[in-house]
Amino acid sequence: MNSGLELRQYQELILTQAKLSNTIAYLPTGTGKTLIACHLIKDRLENLRKHREKARKESSEDLPIIIFIAPTKALLHQQIEYIKSHAYPVQAHEFNGDSLYEGRKVDSWGRQEWMRNITSFEVLGMTPKLCADCIAKNLFPVKIINLV
């Protein structure tokens, strides 16, 4: 982690719990939820990268990913930029239904486009609607989601 990003005691407690089991951090604005997420992403990256390398060698579609969800496009952009600059060197990108990527709107992509981008990025930032649509349409296998 970049210097100056030490966790407060309550953030450490939440991070410790999140490492052990599914956890929802319900905290007011400005209390460091994204900072906790950066630490959790960093914690998961080493193992995630080992599994991604193994899947690549086996030509498997089972490349594990982390999905970061933010409720609005503006907040999603802000959070993904924060993650890219504060969480370990990480390959992260934001995707929402309106964004253009490789010349096409993301919400019109099929499985092939999603799988190609999953190969390139470890963290996919999404709005809730896009994430739900991807899962409902089976655009990538749910089993590859390592952390939400």
Protein backbone atom coordinates (compact mmCIF):
# COMPACT_ATOMS: atom_id res chain seq x y z
CA MET A 1 0.00 0.00 0.00
CA ASN A 2 1.11 3.56 -0.57
CA SER A 3 2.42 5.32 2.52
CA GLY A 4 0.00 7.38 4.56
CA LEU A 5 -2.79 4.85 4.23
CA GLU A 6 -2.72 3.33 7.68
CA LEU A 7 -5.98 1.89 8.90
CA ARG A 8 -7.73 3.11 12.01
CA GLN A 9 -8.59 0.54 14.66
CA TYR A 10 -12.22 0.11 13.53
CA GLN A 11 -11.03 -0.30 9.92
CA GLU A 12 -8.55 -2.98 11.00
CA LEU A 13 -11.35 -4.85 12.75
CA ILE A 14 -13.53 -4.73 9.64
CA LEU A 15 -10.62 -5.82 7.41
CA THR A 16 -9.81 -8.73 9.71
CA GLN A 17 -13.45 -9.86 9.64
CA ALA A 18 -13.63 -9.46 5.83
CA LYS A 19 -10.56 -11.69 5.43
CA LEU A 20 -12.32 -14.42 7.40
CA SER A 21 -15.85 -14.37 5.98
CA ASN A 22 -18.38 -12.50 3.87
CA THR A 23 -18.70 -9.02 5.29
CA ILE A 24 -20.74 -5.92 4.51
CA ALA A 25 -19.22 -2.69 5.80
CA TYR A 26 -22.04 -0.22 6.39
CA LEU A 27 -20.30 3.01 7.31
CA PRO A 28 -21.02 6.73 6.77
CA THR A 29 -19.43 8.66 3.90
CA GLY A 30 -15.79 9.50 4.49
CA THR A 31 -15.03 6.75 7.00
CA GLY A 32 -12.66 4.76 4.78
CA LYS A 33 -14.68 1.98 3.14
CA THR A 34 -12.64 2.25 -0.05
CA LEU A 35 -9.41 2.22 1.94
CA ILE A 36 -10.53 -1.01 3.62
CA ALA A 37 -11.36 -2.39 0.15
CA CYS A 38 -7.85 -1.46 -1.09
CA HIS A 39 -6.29 -3.39 1.76
CA LEU A 40 -8.55 -6.38 1.11
CA ILE A 41 -7.77 -6.29 -2.62
CA LYS A 42 -4.04 -6.21 -1.83
CA ASP A 43 -4.53 -9.17 0.50
CA ARG A 44 -6.25 -11.20 -2.23
CA LEU A 45 -4.01 -10.26 -5.17
CA GLU A 46 -1.11 -12.65 -4.61
CA ASN A 47 -3.36 -15.70 -4.49
CA LEU A 48 -5.56 -14.36 -7.30
CA ARG A 49 -2.53 -13.88 -9.53
CA LYS A 50 -1.32 -17.43 -8.93
CA HIS A 51 -4.73 -18.78 -9.96
CA ARG A 52 -4.86 -16.49 -13.01
CA GLU A 53 -1.42 -17.68 -14.15
CA LYS A 54 -2.45 -21.33 -13.74
CA ALA A 55 -5.69 -20.73 -15.69
CA ARG A 56 -3.75 -19.04 -18.50
CA LYS A 57 -1.35 -21.97 -18.76
CA GLU A 58 -4.32 -24.33 -18.98
CA SER A 59 -6.12 -22.07 -21.50
CA SER A 60 -9.02 -21.95 -19.09
CA GLU A 61 -11.77 -19.32 -18.90
CA ASP A 62 -11.61 -19.62 -15.11
CA LEU A 63 -9.53 -16.47 -14.55
CA PRO A 64 -10.48 -15.20 -11.09
CA ILE A 65 -11.51 -11.54 -10.85
CA ILE A 66 -12.45 -8.99 -8.24
CA ILE A 67 -15.58 -6.93 -8.87
CA PHE A 68 -15.88 -3.51 -7.23
CA ILE A 69 -19.41 -2.15 -7.27
CA ALA A 70 -20.38 1.50 -6.81
CA PRO A 71 -23.97 2.76 -7.01
CA THR A 72 -23.40 5.62 -9.48
CA LYS A 73 -21.18 6.11 -12.51
CA ALA A 74 -19.52 9.17 -10.97
CA LEU A 75 -18.72 7.35 -7.73
CA LEU A 76 -17.54 4.30 -9.67
CA HIS A 77 -15.07 6.43 -11.61
CA GLN A 78 -13.78 8.06 -8.41
CA GLN A 79 -13.42 4.74 -6.58
CA ILE A 80 -11.63 2.90 -9.40
CA GLU A 81 -9.16 5.78 -9.76
CA TYR A 82 -8.56 5.60 -6.00
CA ILE A 83 -8.02 1.83 -6.15
CA LYS A 84 -5.60 2.16 -9.08
CA SER A 85 -3.53 4.72 -7.20
CA HIS A 86 -3.70 3.23 -3.69
CA ALA A 87 -4.02 -0.55 -3.93
CA TYR A 88 -0.81 -2.34 -4.76
CA PRO A 89 -0.04 -2.28 -8.50
CA VAL A 90 -3.35 -3.56 -9.80
CA GLN A 91 -4.93 -3.87 -13.25
CA ALA A 92 -8.30 -2.20 -12.70
CA HIS A 93 -10.83 -0.68 -15.06
CA GLU A 94 -14.31 0.77 -14.72
CA PHE A 95 -17.17 -0.56 -16.79
CA ASN A 96 -20.70 0.84 -16.97
CA GLY A 97 -23.47 0.54 -19.51
CA ASP A 98 -22.73 3.92 -21.09
CA SER A 99 -18.97 3.64 -21.33
CA LEU A 100 -17.32 3.02 -24.65
CA TYR A 101 -14.50 0.54 -24.68
CA GLU A 102 -12.83 -0.72 -27.82
CA GLY A 103 -15.36 1.30 -29.81
CA ARG A 104 -18.50 -0.36 -28.42
CA LYS A 105 -20.83 0.32 -25.54
CA VAL A 106 -20.07 -2.15 -22.78
CA ASP A 107 -23.73 -3.07 -22.27
CA SER A 108 -23.82 -4.45 -25.83
CA TRP A 109 -20.88 -6.81 -25.30
CA GLY A 110 -21.21 -10.55 -25.54
CA ARG A 111 -19.33 -13.23 -23.66
CA GLN A 112 -16.29 -13.03 -25.95
CA GLU A 113 -15.69 -9.31 -25.24
CA TRP A 114 -16.10 -9.82 -21.50
CA MET A 115 -13.74 -12.78 -21.41
CA ARG A 116 -11.12 -10.84 -23.39
CA ASN A 117 -11.27 -7.99 -20.85
CA ILE A 118 -11.28 -10.34 -17.89
CA THR A 119 -7.97 -11.58 -19.25
CA SER A 120 -6.62 -8.01 -19.10
CA PHE A 121 -7.98 -6.76 -15.77
CA GLU A 122 -7.87 -8.12 -12.21
CA VAL A 123 -10.43 -5.65 -10.81
CA LEU A 124 -13.56 -4.78 -12.75
CA GLY A 125 -15.41 -1.73 -11.46
CA MET A 126 -19.12 -1.93 -12.29
CA THR A 127 -22.43 -0.35 -11.53
CA PRO A 128 -24.89 -2.73 -9.83
CA LYS A 129 -27.09 -2.90 -12.93
CA LEU A 130 -24.26 -3.87 -15.26
CA CYS A 131 -23.00 -6.50 -12.84
CA ALA A 132 -26.50 -7.97 -12.44
CA ASP A 133 -27.02 -7.96 -16.22
CA CYS A 134 -23.70 -9.73 -16.81
CA ILE A 135 -24.59 -12.44 -14.31
CA ALA A 136 -28.16 -12.82 -15.58
CA LYS A 137 -26.97 -13.13 -19.19
CA ASN A 138 -24.10 -15.47 -18.21
CA LEU A 139 -21.57 -13.17 -19.86
CA PHE A 140 -18.88 -14.54 -17.58
CA PRO A 141 -18.97 -17.45 -15.17
CA VAL A 142 -19.99 -16.46 -11.64
CA LYS A 143 -17.45 -18.94 -10.25
CA ILE A 144 -14.57 -16.69 -11.32
CA ILE A 145 -15.65 -13.89 -8.98
CA ASN A 146 -13.16 -13.97 -6.12
CA LEU A 147 -14.29 -10.86 -4.25
CA VAL A 148 -17.14 -8.35 -4.55
